[in-house]
Amino acid sequence: MNSFSSPQRVVVLGASANPARMSYQAVRELRDAGHEVIPVHPTVSSLHGADVITSLADVEGKVDTLTLYVNATRSSGMEKDILDLEVDRVLFNPGTENPQLTQKLESAGVECLEACTLVMLRTGGF
């Protein structure tokens, strides 16, 4: 398991170009904290200076943290890509909880937390 020290390589699934969305704020705050951020959204092309990729299947290499900003129905539809991702930790932000996916990830040795990325960043717990 990773010690989750800074900087991390973080995938933000459900990144948004809408400043009112938590995922938009997370991308900005993760980058400001010095993390390598990989935003994922099917139609957004750039966010806070980072190129946005359209699919988890396009993520290459090791990932420290995947932070979810999609509901359980969407994450279940992406289950294979999430399970195929080489990731140490998955954060289920409020409203994204998915017990079935959590169970499968934990069975695969992935640490899963139901936690808010923004709160973790702002309190030094990321």
Protein backbone atom coordinates (compact mmCIF):
# COMPACT_ATOMS: atom_id res chain seq x y z
CA MET A 1 0.00 0.00 0.00
CA ASN A 2 1.02 3.56 -0.67
CA SER A 3 1.77 5.87 2.24
CA PHE A 4 -0.18 8.64 0.45
CA SER A 5 2.49 11.24 0.91
CA SER A 6 2.54 14.28 -1.33
CA PRO A 7 2.57 14.62 -4.20
CA GLN A 8 0.14 12.00 -5.37
CA ARG A 9 -1.15 11.03 -8.77
CA VAL A 10 -4.91 11.57 -8.46
CA VAL A 11 -7.68 10.73 -10.90
CA VAL A 12 -10.87 12.79 -10.52
CA LEU A 13 -13.75 10.85 -12.04
CA GLY A 14 -16.63 13.18 -12.84
CA ALA A 15 -14.56 16.35 -13.10
CA SER A 16 -16.71 19.35 -13.95
CA ALA A 17 -16.14 22.71 -15.65
CA ASN A 18 -18.86 24.22 -13.43
CA PRO A 19 -17.22 26.23 -10.60
CA ALA A 20 -20.17 25.47 -8.32
CA ARG A 21 -19.44 21.73 -8.45
CA MET A 22 -17.31 20.05 -5.79
CA SER A 23 -15.35 18.16 -8.46
CA TYR A 24 -14.30 21.46 -10.06
CA GLN A 25 -13.07 22.69 -6.69
CA ALA A 26 -11.31 19.39 -6.01
CA VAL A 27 -9.32 19.56 -9.25
CA ARG A 28 -8.22 23.10 -8.40
CA GLU A 29 -7.34 22.36 -4.78
CA LEU A 30 -5.54 19.12 -5.61
CA ARG A 31 -3.39 20.97 -8.19
CA ASP A 32 -2.79 23.83 -5.75
CA ALA A 33 -1.60 21.26 -3.18
CA GLY A 34 0.98 19.99 -5.69
CA HIS A 35 -0.67 16.75 -6.76
CA GLU A 36 -0.64 15.47 -10.32
CA VAL A 37 -4.31 15.59 -11.27
CA ILE A 38 -5.94 13.62 -14.06
CA PRO A 39 -9.51 14.86 -14.55
CA VAL A 40 -11.92 12.48 -16.31
CA HIS A 41 -15.06 13.70 -18.11
CA PRO A 42 -16.50 12.66 -21.48
CA THR A 43 -16.92 16.18 -22.89
CA VAL A 44 -14.67 18.64 -21.00
CA SER A 45 -11.26 19.15 -22.67
CA SER A 46 -9.27 21.20 -20.14
CA LEU A 47 -9.66 22.14 -16.49
CA HIS A 48 -7.34 24.33 -14.41
CA GLY A 49 -4.59 23.85 -16.95
CA ALA A 50 -4.89 20.06 -16.98
CA ASP A 51 -5.92 18.08 -20.01
CA VAL A 52 -9.13 16.17 -19.29
CA ILE A 53 -9.33 12.59 -20.49
CA THR A 54 -12.62 11.15 -21.66
CA SER A 55 -12.50 7.72 -20.04
CA LEU A 56 -10.88 5.84 -17.16
CA ALA A 57 -9.72 3.30 -19.74
CA ASP A 58 -7.38 6.03 -21.05
CA VAL A 59 -5.54 6.40 -17.72
CA GLU A 60 -2.09 4.90 -18.03
CA GLY A 61 0.18 3.85 -15.20
CA LYS A 62 -0.06 3.76 -11.44
CA VAL A 63 -2.57 5.96 -9.61
CA ASP A 64 -2.37 6.76 -5.91
CA THR A 65 -5.97 7.91 -5.46
CA LEU A 66 -9.16 7.79 -7.48
CA THR A 67 -11.70 10.27 -6.17
CA LEU A 68 -15.27 9.70 -7.33
CA TYR A 69 -17.77 12.42 -8.22
CA VAL A 70 -20.27 10.18 -9.99
CA ASN A 71 -23.27 8.44 -8.43
CA ALA A 72 -23.48 4.70 -7.78
CA THR A 73 -25.39 4.03 -10.99
CA ARG A 74 -22.61 5.62 -13.06
CA SER A 75 -19.76 4.06 -11.12
CA SER A 76 -21.41 0.63 -11.41
CA GLY A 77 -21.51 1.17 -15.17
CA MET A 78 -17.75 1.87 -15.07
CA GLU A 79 -16.98 -0.96 -12.67
CA LYS A 80 -14.64 -2.83 -15.03
CA ASP A 81 -12.57 0.28 -15.78
CA ILE A 82 -12.41 1.16 -12.07
CA LEU A 83 -11.33 -2.37 -11.14
CA ASP A 84 -8.79 -2.41 -13.99
CA LEU A 85 -7.23 0.86 -12.83
CA GLU A 86 -3.93 0.36 -11.04
CA VAL A 87 -4.98 2.32 -7.93
CA ASP A 88 -4.15 2.16 -4.22
CA ARG A 89 -7.09 4.11 -2.81
CA VAL A 90 -10.61 5.11 -3.86
CA LEU A 91 -12.45 8.00 -2.22
CA PHE A 92 -16.24 7.88 -2.39
CA ASN A 93 -17.26 11.50 -1.93
CA PRO A 94 -20.68 12.26 -0.36
CA GLY A 95 -23.41 11.04 -2.70
CA THR A 96 -21.16 8.58 -4.53
CA GLU A 97 -21.31 5.69 -2.06
CA ASN A 98 -21.49 2.29 -3.76
CA PRO A 99 -21.33 -0.66 -1.32
CA GLN A 100 -21.10 -3.32 -4.05
CA LEU A 101 -18.21 -1.57 -5.79
CA THR A 102 -16.53 -0.92 -2.44
CA GLN A 103 -16.69 -4.62 -1.61
CA LYS A 104 -15.16 -5.60 -4.96
CA LEU A 105 -12.38 -3.01 -4.66
CA GLU A 106 -11.54 -4.03 -1.10
CA SER A 107 -11.48 -7.69 -2.18
CA ALA A 108 -8.90 -6.63 -4.78
CA GLY A 109 -6.77 -4.98 -2.07
CA VAL A 110 -7.80 -1.39 -2.75
CA GLU A 111 -8.33 0.91 0.23
CA CYS A 112 -11.79 2.52 0.08
CA LEU A 113 -12.97 5.52 2.08
CA GLU A 114 -16.29 7.31 2.22
CA ALA A 115 -14.87 10.79 2.64
CA CYS A 116 -14.87 14.26 1.15
CA THR A 117 -11.76 15.06 -0.84
CA LEU A 118 -12.11 18.78 -0.11
CA VAL A 119 -12.41 18.25 3.66
CA MET A 120 -9.43 15.89 3.59
CA LEU A 121 -7.35 18.45 1.69
CA ARG A 122 -8.38 21.34 3.92
CA THR A 123 -7.65 19.43 7.15
CA GLY A 124 -4.36 17.88 6.06
CA GLY A 125 -5.82 14.38 5.94
CA PHE A 126 -5.48 13.75 2.22
